[in-house]
């Protein structure tokens, strides 16, 4: 029986330790405080794209430290970061493990472009001599598909997604999401850091929204890709408690439509936002994906010592 052994090589294990050391030195030099929040808590996220793992009698394993970190920000913590375990039900495969390591940080007073530049500065410490290029979502989508994702007719977008292998019955937003995941991401140059900004407004999650230069409603959000991997997902964070409550309600309506369990609104987060959540930007990064990109690993199991099937 050999499945007691780790799936990550000793070289990868050492590279992981070096990566975490580099990250901690990066934030120490910038006076960003390291924090530690619960991995098991009463509330889980409502986002229909993320399924929390319930722990009966206790709540949920956390899919991200976001809610707790925002409570710290509201309490006056200043800039903070965290390296922690996160958990998501049903996420397994070459790039996913139900338990993974997340790096997340928040910068009060930062605009989104400030945070993008800070991400690229960190990546310059992790990846040698890699150039970056920034794209607007709608421009990139049009360049790859020939369709305008925000204004094209629904049937045209759905038909194009189906021609690329999407299942029947998708709506417009699902078709755009499918094409982004299967066509647009694949078209990005592997050996550059590709920053994608101005996602469609419907993809805001917990980001603010606003009008782009063409007057369309977009999410104040970015993602960064490298070597075929989505590494970073950042927001100009939503601070309006009324809007936050409306998004919880909208998420649960979508969950009911899709026959998912609804999620109780996080009353602690809402109270913190109503009190004093400062204007800020924040970003989440998968540590295993950083290691995969830096070490050119093909499977997340090579970046984790004991993935779920050996844990």
C-alpha atoms as a PDB file:
ATOM      1  CA  UNK A   1       0.000   0.000   0.000  1.00  0.00           C
ATOM      2  CA  UNK A   2       1.643   3.228  -1.192  1.00  0.00           C
ATOM      3  CA  UNK A   3      -1.159   5.785  -0.880  1.00  0.00           C
ATOM      4  CA  UNK A   4       0.096   6.782   2.579  1.00  0.00           C
ATOM      5  CA  UNK A   5       2.808   8.770   0.816  1.00  0.00           C
ATOM      6  CA  UNK A   6       2.497  12.483  -0.079  1.00  0.00           C
ATOM      7  CA  UNK A   7       1.629  13.360  -3.671  1.00  0.00           C
ATOM      8  CA  UNK A   8       3.851  16.469  -3.613  1.00  0.00           C
ATOM      9  CA  UNK A   9       7.559  15.951  -4.211  1.00  0.00           C
ATOM     10  CA  UNK A  10      10.120  17.086  -1.650  1.00  0.00           C
ATOM     11  CA  UNK A  11      11.154  19.779  -4.138  1.00  0.00           C
ATOM     12  CA  UNK A  12       7.571  21.086  -4.274  1.00  0.00           C
ATOM     13  CA  UNK A  13       7.234  20.954  -0.477  1.00  0.00           C
ATOM     14  CA  UNK A  14      10.393  23.053  -0.107  1.00  0.00           C
ATOM     15  CA  UNK A  15       9.222  25.460  -2.830  1.00  0.00           C
ATOM     16  CA  UNK A  16       5.926  25.901  -0.979  1.00  0.00           C
ATOM     17  CA  UNK A  17       7.769  26.835   2.223  1.00  0.00           C
ATOM     18  CA  UNK A  18       9.901  29.344   0.313  1.00  0.00           C
ATOM     19  CA  UNK A  19       6.811  30.816  -1.346  1.00  0.00           C
ATOM     20  CA  UNK A  20       5.078  31.371   1.995  1.00  0.00           C
ATOM     21  CA  UNK A  21       8.240  32.907   3.429  1.00  0.00           C
ATOM     22  CA  UNK A  22       8.403  35.319   0.481  1.00  0.00           C
ATOM     23  CA  UNK A  23       4.742  36.273   0.914  1.00  0.00           C
ATOM     24  CA  UNK A  24       5.160  36.984   4.626  1.00  0.00           C
ATOM     25  CA  UNK A  25       8.281  39.081   4.008  1.00  0.00           C
ATOM     26  CA  UNK A  26       6.418  41.020   1.293  1.00  0.00           C
ATOM     27  CA  UNK A  27       3.632  42.052   3.668  1.00  0.00           C
ATOM     28  CA  UNK A  28       5.935  42.641   6.644  1.00  0.00           C
ATOM     29  CA  UNK A  29       7.871  45.161   4.525  1.00  0.00           C
ATOM     30  CA  UNK A  30       4.585  46.985   3.849  1.00  0.00           C
ATOM     31  CA  UNK A  31       3.298  46.909   7.442  1.00  0.00           C
ATOM     32  CA  UNK A  32       0.315  44.762   6.523  1.00  0.00           C
ATOM     33  CA  UNK A  33      -0.827  42.830   9.597  1.00  0.00           C
ATOM     34  CA  UNK A  34      -1.154  39.034   9.477  1.00  0.00           C
ATOM     35  CA  UNK A  35      -4.412  37.829  11.054  1.00  0.00           C
ATOM     36  CA  UNK A  36      -6.015  34.471  11.837  1.00  0.00           C
ATOM     37  CA  UNK A  37      -9.801  34.041  11.630  1.00  0.00           C
ATOM     38  CA  UNK A  38     -12.058  30.974  12.165  1.00  0.00           C
ATOM     39  CA  UNK A  39     -12.201  28.148   9.660  1.00  0.00           C
ATOM     40  CA  UNK A  40     -15.406  26.848  11.275  1.00  0.00           C
ATOM     41  CA  UNK A  41     -18.154  29.409  11.793  1.00  0.00           C
ATOM     42  CA  UNK A  42     -21.907  29.851  12.038  1.00  0.00           C
ATOM     43  CA  UNK A  43     -22.471  31.322   8.565  1.00  0.00           C
ATOM     44  CA  UNK A  44     -21.412  30.316   5.065  1.00  0.00           C
ATOM     45  CA  UNK A  45     -21.453  32.266   1.801  1.00  0.00           C
ATOM     46  CA  UNK A  46     -24.591  32.658  -0.288  1.00  0.00           C
ATOM     47  CA  UNK A  47     -22.876  32.791  -3.719  1.00  0.00           C
ATOM     48  CA  UNK A  48     -24.590  30.101  -5.861  1.00  0.00           C
ATOM     49  CA  UNK A  49     -21.235  29.286  -7.491  1.00  0.00           C
ATOM     50  CA  UNK A  50     -19.709  28.278  -4.139  1.00  0.00           C
ATOM     51  CA  UNK A  51     -20.988  25.424  -1.979  1.00  0.00           C
ATOM     52  CA  UNK A  52     -19.896  25.432   1.650  1.00  0.00           C
ATOM     53  CA  UNK A  53     -19.256  22.226   3.580  1.00  0.00           C
ATOM     54  CA  UNK A  54     -21.688  22.035   6.530  1.00  0.00           C
ATOM     55  CA  UNK A  55     -20.631  20.781   9.948  1.00  0.00           C
ATOM     56  CA  UNK A  56     -23.888  19.803  11.697  1.00  0.00           C
ATOM     57  CA  UNK A  57     -24.313  21.513  15.024  1.00  0.00           C
ATOM     58  CA  UNK A  58     -21.541  24.047  14.358  1.00  0.00           C
ATOM     59  CA  UNK A  59     -22.113  25.785  11.025  1.00  0.00           C
ATOM     60  CA  UNK A  60     -19.827  25.657   8.002  1.00  0.00           C
ATOM     61  CA  UNK A  61     -16.217  25.220   7.090  1.00  0.00           C
ATOM     62  CA  UNK A  62     -15.307  28.579   5.591  1.00  0.00           C
ATOM     63  CA  UNK A  63     -14.902  28.908   1.819  1.00  0.00           C
ATOM     64  CA  UNK A  64     -12.910  32.109   2.366  1.00  0.00           C
ATOM     65  CA  UNK A  65     -11.900  34.302   5.319  1.00  0.00           C
ATOM     66  CA  UNK A  66     -13.612  37.283   3.655  1.00  0.00           C
ATOM     67  CA  UNK A  67     -16.528  37.862   6.044  1.00  0.00           C
ATOM     68  CA  UNK A  68     -14.374  37.676   9.160  1.00  0.00           C
ATOM     69  CA  UNK A  69     -11.634  39.865   7.683  1.00  0.00           C
ATOM     70  CA  UNK A  70     -14.186  42.534   6.797  1.00  0.00           C
ATOM     71  CA  UNK A  71     -15.348  42.479  10.408  1.00  0.00           C
ATOM     72  CA  UNK A  72     -11.746  43.159  11.445  1.00  0.00           C
ATOM     73  CA  UNK A  73     -11.534  46.028   8.957  1.00  0.00           C
ATOM     74  CA  UNK A  74     -14.723  47.512  10.402  1.00  0.00           C
ATOM     75  CA  UNK A  75     -13.165  47.221  13.872  1.00  0.00           C
ATOM     76  CA  UNK A  76     -10.223  49.374  12.750  1.00  0.00           C
ATOM     77  CA  UNK A  77      -7.551  46.779  11.955  1.00  0.00           C
ATOM     78  CA  UNK A  78      -6.045  48.692   9.035  1.00  0.00           C
ATOM     79  CA  UNK A  79      -4.458  46.699   6.181  1.00  0.00           C
ATOM     80  CA  UNK A  80      -4.528  42.946   6.852  1.00  0.00           C
ATOM     81  CA  UNK A  81      -3.643  39.655   5.185  1.00  0.00           C
ATOM     82  CA  UNK A  82      -4.181  35.995   5.957  1.00  0.00           C
ATOM     83  CA  UNK A  83      -2.851  32.633   4.805  1.00  0.00           C
ATOM     84  CA  UNK A  84      -5.389  29.978   5.738  1.00  0.00           C
ATOM     85  CA  UNK A  85      -7.192  26.815   4.743  1.00  0.00           C
ATOM     86  CA  UNK A  86     -10.447  27.193   2.816  1.00  0.00           C
ATOM     87  CA  UNK A  87     -13.060  24.564   1.968  1.00  0.00           C
ATOM     88  CA  UNK A  88     -15.507  24.135  -0.905  1.00  0.00           C
ATOM     89  CA  UNK A  89     -17.849  21.232  -1.499  1.00  0.00           C
ATOM     90  CA  UNK A  90     -17.720  19.502  -4.865  1.00  0.00           C
ATOM     91  CA  UNK A  91     -14.519  21.157  -6.056  1.00  0.00           C
ATOM     92  CA  UNK A  92     -12.108  18.425  -7.066  1.00  0.00           C
ATOM     93  CA  UNK A  93     -10.010  17.844 -10.173  1.00  0.00           C
ATOM     94  CA  UNK A  94      -6.753  18.877 -11.770  1.00  0.00           C
ATOM     95  CA  UNK A  95      -6.995  22.434 -10.386  1.00  0.00           C
ATOM     96  CA  UNK A  96      -9.252  21.986  -7.361  1.00  0.00           C
ATOM     97  CA  UNK A  97      -9.190  20.205  -4.017  1.00  0.00           C
ATOM     98  CA  UNK A  98     -12.033  20.547  -1.476  1.00  0.00           C
ATOM     99  CA  UNK A  99      -9.452  21.814   1.039  1.00  0.00           C
ATOM    100  CA  UNK A 100      -6.916  24.335  -0.208  1.00  0.00           C
ATOM    101  CA  UNK A 101      -4.762  27.222   0.989  1.00  0.00           C
ATOM    102  CA  UNK A 102      -5.822  30.805   0.370  1.00  0.00           C
ATOM    103  CA  UNK A 103      -3.894  34.045   0.574  1.00  0.00           C
ATOM    104  CA  UNK A 104      -6.267  36.969   1.051  1.00  0.00           C
ATOM    105  CA  UNK A 105      -5.562  40.615   1.825  1.00  0.00           C
ATOM    106  CA  UNK A 106      -7.391  43.919   2.170  1.00  0.00           C
ATOM    107  CA  UNK A 107      -6.170  47.467   1.693  1.00  0.00           C
ATOM    108  CA  UNK A 108      -8.256  50.312   3.166  1.00  0.00           C
ATOM    109  CA  UNK A 109      -7.974  53.398   0.977  1.00  0.00           C
ATOM    110  CA  UNK A 110      -6.682  51.490  -2.057  1.00  0.00           C
ATOM    111  CA  UNK A 111      -8.393  51.892  -5.397  1.00  0.00           C
ATOM    112  CA  UNK A 112      -8.587  48.778  -7.548  1.00  0.00           C
ATOM    113  CA  UNK A 113      -5.659  49.806  -9.748  1.00  0.00           C
ATOM    114  CA  UNK A 114      -3.500  50.219  -6.629  1.00  0.00           C
ATOM    115  CA  UNK A 115      -4.295  46.645  -5.643  1.00  0.00           C
ATOM    116  CA  UNK A 116      -3.600  45.338  -9.150  1.00  0.00           C
ATOM    117  CA  UNK A 117      -0.168  46.932  -9.022  1.00  0.00           C
ATOM    118  CA  UNK A 118       0.493  45.441  -5.584  1.00  0.00           C
ATOM    119  CA  UNK A 119      -0.457  41.988  -6.887  1.00  0.00           C
ATOM    120  CA  UNK A 120       1.908  42.381  -9.826  1.00  0.00           C
ATOM    121  CA  UNK A 121       4.672  43.509  -7.469  1.00  0.00           C
ATOM    122  CA  UNK A 122       4.186  40.372  -5.366  1.00  0.00           C
ATOM    123  CA  UNK A 123       4.166  38.204  -8.482  1.00  0.00           C
ATOM    124  CA  UNK A 124       7.444  39.828  -9.581  1.00  0.00           C
ATOM    125  CA  UNK A 125       8.946  38.382  -6.384  1.00  0.00           C
ATOM    126  CA  UNK A 126       7.516  34.939  -7.156  1.00  0.00           C
ATOM    127  CA  UNK A 127       7.953  34.673 -10.937  1.00  0.00           C
ATOM    128  CA  UNK A 128      11.123  35.830 -12.700  1.00  0.00           C
ATOM    129  CA  UNK A 129      10.971  38.459 -15.473  1.00  0.00           C
ATOM    130  CA  UNK A 130       7.327  37.995 -16.451  1.00  0.00           C
ATOM    131  CA  UNK A 131       5.606  40.831 -18.297  1.00  0.00           C
ATOM    132  CA  UNK A 132       1.965  41.775 -17.733  1.00  0.00           C
ATOM    133  CA  UNK A 133      -0.869  42.904 -19.991  1.00  0.00           C
ATOM    134  CA  UNK A 134      -4.260  44.329 -19.006  1.00  0.00           C
ATOM    135  CA  UNK A 135      -7.517  43.682 -20.885  1.00  0.00           C
ATOM    136  CA  UNK A 136     -11.096  44.847 -20.437  1.00  0.00           C
ATOM    137  CA  UNK A 137     -13.373  41.817 -20.206  1.00  0.00           C
ATOM    138  CA  UNK A 138     -15.666  42.913 -23.025  1.00  0.00           C
ATOM    139  CA  UNK A 139     -12.754  43.733 -25.394  1.00  0.00           C
ATOM    140  CA  UNK A 140     -11.065  40.404 -24.712  1.00  0.00           C
ATOM    141  CA  UNK A 141     -14.326  38.496 -25.113  1.00  0.00           C
ATOM    142  CA  UNK A 142     -15.034  40.204 -28.447  1.00  0.00           C
ATOM    143  CA  UNK A 143     -11.519  39.591 -29.748  1.00  0.00           C
ATOM    144  CA  UNK A 144     -11.821  35.846 -29.082  1.00  0.00           C
ATOM    145  CA  UNK A 145     -15.485  35.171 -29.941  1.00  0.00           C
ATOM    146  CA  UNK A 146     -16.467  38.025 -32.233  1.00  0.00           C
ATOM    147  CA  UNK A 147     -19.397  38.764 -29.914  1.00  0.00           C
ATOM    148  CA  UNK A 148     -20.003  41.628 -27.491  1.00  0.00           C
ATOM    149  CA  UNK A 149     -20.808  39.969 -24.135  1.00  0.00           C
ATOM    150  CA  UNK A 150     -22.852  42.824 -22.652  1.00  0.00           C
ATOM    151  CA  UNK A 151     -24.926  43.875 -25.669  1.00  0.00           C
ATOM    152  CA  UNK A 152     -25.135  40.853 -28.006  1.00  0.00           C
ATOM    153  CA  UNK A 153     -28.521  39.164 -28.324  1.00  0.00           C
ATOM    154  CA  UNK A 154     -28.981  36.258 -25.926  1.00  0.00           C
ATOM    155  CA  UNK A 155     -29.586  33.618 -28.657  1.00  0.00           C
ATOM    156  CA  UNK A 156     -26.299  34.505 -30.400  1.00  0.00           C
ATOM    157  CA  UNK A 157     -24.261  34.104 -27.207  1.00  0.00           C
ATOM    158  CA  UNK A 158     -26.044  30.896 -26.226  1.00  0.00           C
ATOM    159  CA  UNK A 159     -25.649  29.399 -29.696  1.00  0.00           C
ATOM    160  CA  UNK A 160     -21.944  30.215 -29.728  1.00  0.00           C
ATOM    161  CA  UNK A 161     -21.470  28.609 -26.315  1.00  0.00           C
ATOM    162  CA  UNK A 162     -23.302  25.486 -27.489  1.00  0.00           C
ATOM    163  CA  UNK A 163     -21.113  25.339 -30.601  1.00  0.00           C
ATOM    164  CA  UNK A 164     -18.126  25.266 -28.232  1.00  0.00           C
ATOM    165  CA  UNK A 165     -19.508  22.338 -26.247  1.00  0.00           C
ATOM    166  CA  UNK A 166     -21.748  23.997 -23.674  1.00  0.00           C
ATOM    167  CA  UNK A 167     -24.752  21.998 -22.462  1.00  0.00           C
ATOM    168  CA  UNK A 168     -28.212  22.924 -23.715  1.00  0.00           C
ATOM    169  CA  UNK A 169     -30.424  25.184 -21.649  1.00  0.00           C
ATOM    170  CA  UNK A 170     -27.920  27.800 -20.496  1.00  0.00           C
ATOM    171  CA  UNK A 171     -29.066  31.394 -20.102  1.00  0.00           C
ATOM    172  CA  UNK A 172     -27.007  34.356 -21.330  1.00  0.00           C
ATOM    173  CA  UNK A 173     -24.955  34.851 -18.178  1.00  0.00           C
ATOM    174  CA  UNK A 174     -24.163  31.138 -17.937  1.00  0.00           C
ATOM    175  CA  UNK A 175     -23.190  31.093 -21.620  1.00  0.00           C
ATOM    176  CA  UNK A 176     -20.821  34.027 -21.119  1.00  0.00           C
ATOM    177  CA  UNK A 177     -19.335  32.342 -18.040  1.00  0.00           C
ATOM    178  CA  UNK A 178     -18.862  29.109 -20.005  1.00  0.00           C
ATOM    179  CA  UNK A 179     -17.119  30.880 -22.872  1.00  0.00           C
ATOM    180  CA  UNK A 180     -14.877  32.774 -20.469  1.00  0.00           C
ATOM    181  CA  UNK A 181     -13.809  29.552 -18.768  1.00  0.00           C
ATOM    182  CA  UNK A 182     -13.335  27.456 -21.896  1.00  0.00           C
ATOM    183  CA  UNK A 183     -12.401  29.852 -24.706  1.00  0.00           C
ATOM    184  CA  UNK A 184     -11.238  33.228 -23.455  1.00  0.00           C
ATOM    185  CA  UNK A 185      -8.961  32.013 -20.655  1.00  0.00           C
ATOM    186  CA  UNK A 186      -7.380  29.502 -23.050  1.00  0.00           C
ATOM    187  CA  UNK A 187      -6.611  32.293 -25.533  1.00  0.00           C
ATOM    188  CA  UNK A 188      -4.525  34.281 -23.043  1.00  0.00           C
ATOM    189  CA  UNK A 189      -0.742  34.045 -23.629  1.00  0.00           C
ATOM    190  CA  UNK A 190       0.595  31.477 -21.165  1.00  0.00           C
ATOM    191  CA  UNK A 191       3.891  33.245 -20.429  1.00  0.00           C
ATOM    192  CA  UNK A 192       2.479  36.592 -19.364  1.00  0.00           C
ATOM    193  CA  UNK A 193       0.486  37.799 -16.386  1.00  0.00           C
ATOM    194  CA  UNK A 194      -2.879  38.668 -17.927  1.00  0.00           C
ATOM    195  CA  UNK A 195      -4.981  41.109 -15.910  1.00  0.00           C
ATOM    196  CA  UNK A 196      -8.673  41.116 -16.862  1.00  0.00           C
ATOM    197  CA  UNK A 197     -10.811  44.012 -15.570  1.00  0.00           C
ATOM    198  CA  UNK A 198     -14.367  45.355 -15.832  1.00  0.00           C
ATOM    199  CA  UNK A 199     -16.278  42.083 -15.612  1.00  0.00           C
ATOM    200  CA  UNK A 200     -20.012  42.164 -16.437  1.00  0.00           C
ATOM    201  CA  UNK A 201     -22.126  43.704 -13.709  1.00  0.00           C
ATOM    202  CA  UNK A 202     -23.917  40.409 -13.093  1.00  0.00           C
ATOM    203  CA  UNK A 203     -20.564  38.908 -12.030  1.00  0.00           C
ATOM    204  CA  UNK A 204     -19.971  41.456  -9.257  1.00  0.00           C
ATOM    205  CA  UNK A 205     -20.338  38.981  -6.344  1.00  0.00           C
ATOM    206  CA  UNK A 206     -19.174  41.245  -3.456  1.00  0.00           C
ATOM    207  CA  UNK A 207     -17.593  43.925  -5.646  1.00  0.00           C
ATOM    208  CA  UNK A 208     -18.889  47.412  -6.317  1.00  0.00           C
ATOM    209  CA  UNK A 209     -20.390  48.148  -9.722  1.00  0.00           C
ATOM    210  CA  UNK A 210     -20.173  51.207 -11.944  1.00  0.00           C
ATOM    211  CA  UNK A 211     -20.289  52.364 -15.548  1.00  0.00           C
ATOM    212  CA  UNK A 212     -17.393  51.690 -17.917  1.00  0.00           C
ATOM    213  CA  UNK A 213     -16.234  54.195 -20.523  1.00  0.00           C
ATOM    214  CA  UNK A 214     -19.035  53.012 -22.836  1.00  0.00           C
ATOM    215  CA  UNK A 215     -21.737  53.460 -20.213  1.00  0.00           C
ATOM    216  CA  UNK A 216     -22.256  49.745 -19.506  1.00  0.00           C
ATOM    217  CA  UNK A 217     -22.654  48.465 -15.932  1.00  0.00           C
ATOM    218  CA  UNK A 218     -19.549  46.520 -14.965  1.00  0.00           C
ATOM    219  CA  UNK A 219     -18.129  45.009 -11.805  1.00  0.00           C
ATOM    220  CA  UNK A 220     -15.156  46.785 -10.243  1.00  0.00           C
ATOM    221  CA  UNK A 221     -13.298  43.527 -10.203  1.00  0.00           C
ATOM    222  CA  UNK A 222     -10.166  41.958 -11.725  1.00  0.00           C
ATOM    223  CA  UNK A 223      -8.653  38.540 -12.240  1.00  0.00           C
ATOM    224  CA  UNK A 224      -5.036  37.656 -13.049  1.00  0.00           C
ATOM    225  CA  UNK A 225      -4.050  34.621 -15.137  1.00  0.00           C
ATOM    226  CA  UNK A 226      -0.678  32.986 -15.702  1.00  0.00           C
ATOM    227  CA  UNK A 227       0.299  29.722 -17.391  1.00  0.00           C
ATOM    228  CA  UNK A 228      -3.325  28.768 -17.900  1.00  0.00           C
ATOM    229  CA  UNK A 229      -4.306  29.316 -14.254  1.00  0.00           C
ATOM    230  CA  UNK A 230      -6.511  31.903 -12.632  1.00  0.00           C
ATOM    231  CA  UNK A 231      -4.298  33.131  -9.791  1.00  0.00           C
ATOM    232  CA  UNK A 232      -6.011  36.188  -8.324  1.00  0.00           C
ATOM    233  CA  UNK A 233      -9.563  37.488  -7.943  1.00  0.00           C
ATOM    234  CA  UNK A 234      -9.832  41.037  -6.608  1.00  0.00           C
ATOM    235  CA  UNK A 235     -12.626  43.514  -5.853  1.00  0.00           C
ATOM    236  CA  UNK A 236     -13.244  47.119  -5.036  1.00  0.00           C
ATOM    237  CA  UNK A 237     -15.189  45.908  -2.043  1.00  0.00           C
ATOM    238  CA  UNK A 238     -18.871  46.550  -1.551  1.00  0.00           C
ATOM    239  CA  UNK A 239     -19.393  48.666   1.585  1.00  0.00           C
ATOM    240  CA  UNK A 240     -23.109  49.521   1.288  1.00  0.00           C
ATOM    241  CA  UNK A 241     -24.963  47.339   3.802  1.00  0.00           C
ATOM    242  CA  UNK A 242     -28.320  47.762   2.052  1.00  0.00           C
ATOM    243  CA  UNK A 243     -26.842  46.613  -1.247  1.00  0.00           C
ATOM    244  CA  UNK A 244     -25.132  43.718   0.548  1.00  0.00           C
ATOM    245  CA  UNK A 245     -28.450  42.558   1.999  1.00  0.00           C
ATOM    246  CA  UNK A 246     -30.069  42.786  -1.437  1.00  0.00           C
ATOM    247  CA  UNK A 247     -27.295  40.637  -2.893  1.00  0.00           C
ATOM    248  CA  UNK A 248     -27.801  38.021  -0.177  1.00  0.00           C
ATOM    249  CA  UNK A 249     -31.488  37.946  -1.119  1.00  0.00           C
ATOM    250  CA  UNK A 250     -30.709  37.719  -4.840  1.00  0.00           C
ATOM    251  CA  UNK A 251     -28.252  34.884  -4.242  1.00  0.00           C
ATOM    252  CA  UNK A 252     -30.853  32.917  -2.315  1.00  0.00           C
ATOM    253  CA  UNK A 253     -33.444  33.505  -5.046  1.00  0.00           C
ATOM    254  CA  UNK A 254     -30.980  32.033  -7.566  1.00  0.00           C
ATOM    255  CA  UNK A 255     -30.313  29.137  -5.206  1.00  0.00           C
ATOM    256  CA  UNK A 256     -34.022  28.353  -5.025  1.00  0.00           C
ATOM    257  CA  UNK A 257     -34.293  28.488  -8.831  1.00  0.00           C
ATOM    258  CA  UNK A 258     -31.439  25.972  -9.068  1.00  0.00           C
ATOM    259  CA  UNK A 259     -32.811  23.691  -6.310  1.00  0.00           C
ATOM    260  CA  UNK A 260     -29.942  24.509  -3.953  1.00  0.00           C
ATOM    261  CA  UNK A 261     -30.172  25.028  -0.220  1.00  0.00           C
ATOM    262  CA  UNK A 262     -30.555  28.665   0.794  1.00  0.00           C
ATOM    263  CA  UNK A 263     -28.000  30.262   3.118  1.00  0.00           C
ATOM    264  CA  UNK A 264     -28.749  32.363   6.173  1.00  0.00           C
ATOM    265  CA  UNK A 265     -27.514  35.935   5.864  1.00  0.00           C
ATOM    266  CA  UNK A 266     -24.383  36.613   7.904  1.00  0.00           C
ATOM    267  CA  UNK A 267     -25.755  38.955  10.559  1.00  0.00           C
ATOM    268  CA  UNK A 268     -22.269  39.687  11.912  1.00  0.00           C
ATOM    269  CA  UNK A 269     -21.052  40.887   8.507  1.00  0.00           C
ATOM    270  CA  UNK A 270     -24.127  43.065   7.996  1.00  0.00           C
ATOM    271  CA  UNK A 271     -23.680  44.632  11.434  1.00  0.00           C
ATOM    272  CA  UNK A 272     -20.000  45.321  10.735  1.00  0.00           C
ATOM    273  CA  UNK A 273     -20.838  46.928   7.392  1.00  0.00           C
ATOM    274  CA  UNK A 274     -23.534  49.055   8.989  1.00  0.00           C
ATOM    275  CA  UNK A 275     -21.060  50.160  11.639  1.00  0.00           C
ATOM    276  CA  UNK A 276     -17.906  51.234   9.839  1.00  0.00           C
ATOM    277  CA  UNK A 277     -16.533  49.084   6.999  1.00  0.00           C
ATOM    278  CA  UNK A 278     -14.028  51.420   5.304  1.00  0.00           C
ATOM    279  CA  UNK A 279     -13.637  51.884   1.572  1.00  0.00           C
ATOM    280  CA  UNK A 280     -11.149  49.213   0.551  1.00  0.00           C
ATOM    281  CA  UNK A 281     -10.029  46.765  -2.085  1.00  0.00           C
ATOM    282  CA  UNK A 282      -9.261  43.106  -1.502  1.00  0.00           C
ATOM    283  CA  UNK A 283      -7.959  40.072  -3.334  1.00  0.00           C
ATOM    284  CA  UNK A 284      -7.882  36.288  -2.889  1.00  0.00           C
ATOM    285  CA  UNK A 285      -5.161  34.045  -4.334  1.00  0.00           C
ATOM    286  CA  UNK A 286      -4.880  30.262  -4.321  1.00  0.00           C
ATOM    287  CA  UNK A 287      -1.509  29.300  -2.844  1.00  0.00           C
ATOM    288  CA  UNK A 288      -1.448  25.898  -4.565  1.00  0.00           C
ATOM    289  CA  UNK A 289      -2.025  27.625  -7.897  1.00  0.00           C
ATOM    290  CA  UNK A 290       0.902  29.955  -7.239  1.00  0.00           C
ATOM    291  CA  UNK A 291       3.014  26.875  -6.625  1.00  0.00           C
ATOM    292  CA  UNK A 292       1.666  25.139  -9.738  1.00  0.00           C
ATOM    293  CA  UNK A 293       2.503  28.181 -11.863  1.00  0.00           C
ATOM    294  CA  UNK A 294       5.956  28.693 -10.372  1.00  0.00           C
ATOM    295  CA  UNK A 295       6.960  25.029 -10.494  1.00  0.00           C
ATOM    296  CA  UNK A 296       5.126  24.240 -13.759  1.00  0.00           C
ATOM    297  CA  UNK A 297       3.063  21.523 -12.107  1.00  0.00           C
ATOM    298  CA  UNK A 298       0.263  19.928 -14.118  1.00  0.00           C
ATOM    299  CA  UNK A 299      -2.040  18.864 -11.280  1.00  0.00           C
ATOM    300  CA  UNK A 300      -2.939  20.397  -7.936  1.00  0.00           C
ATOM    301  CA  UNK A 301      -2.128  17.078  -6.247  1.00  0.00           C
ATOM    302  CA  UNK A 302       1.525  17.855  -7.003  1.00  0.00           C
ATOM    303  CA  UNK A 303       1.189  21.031  -4.911  1.00  0.00           C
ATOM    304  CA  UNK A 304      -0.593  19.435  -1.936  1.00  0.00           C
ATOM    305  CA  UNK A 305       1.051  16.938   0.366  1.00  0.00           C
ATOM    306  CA  UNK A 306      -2.110  14.943   1.037  1.00  0.00           C
ATOM    307  CA  UNK A 307      -5.078  15.716  -1.247  1.00  0.00           C
ATOM    308  CA  UNK A 308      -8.574  14.698  -0.143  1.00  0.00           C
ATOM    309  CA  UNK A 309      -8.321  11.130  -1.471  1.00  0.00           C
ATOM    310  CA  UNK A 310      -5.237  10.559   0.721  1.00  0.00           C
ATOM    311  CA  UNK A 311      -6.110  12.790   3.651  1.00  0.00           C
END
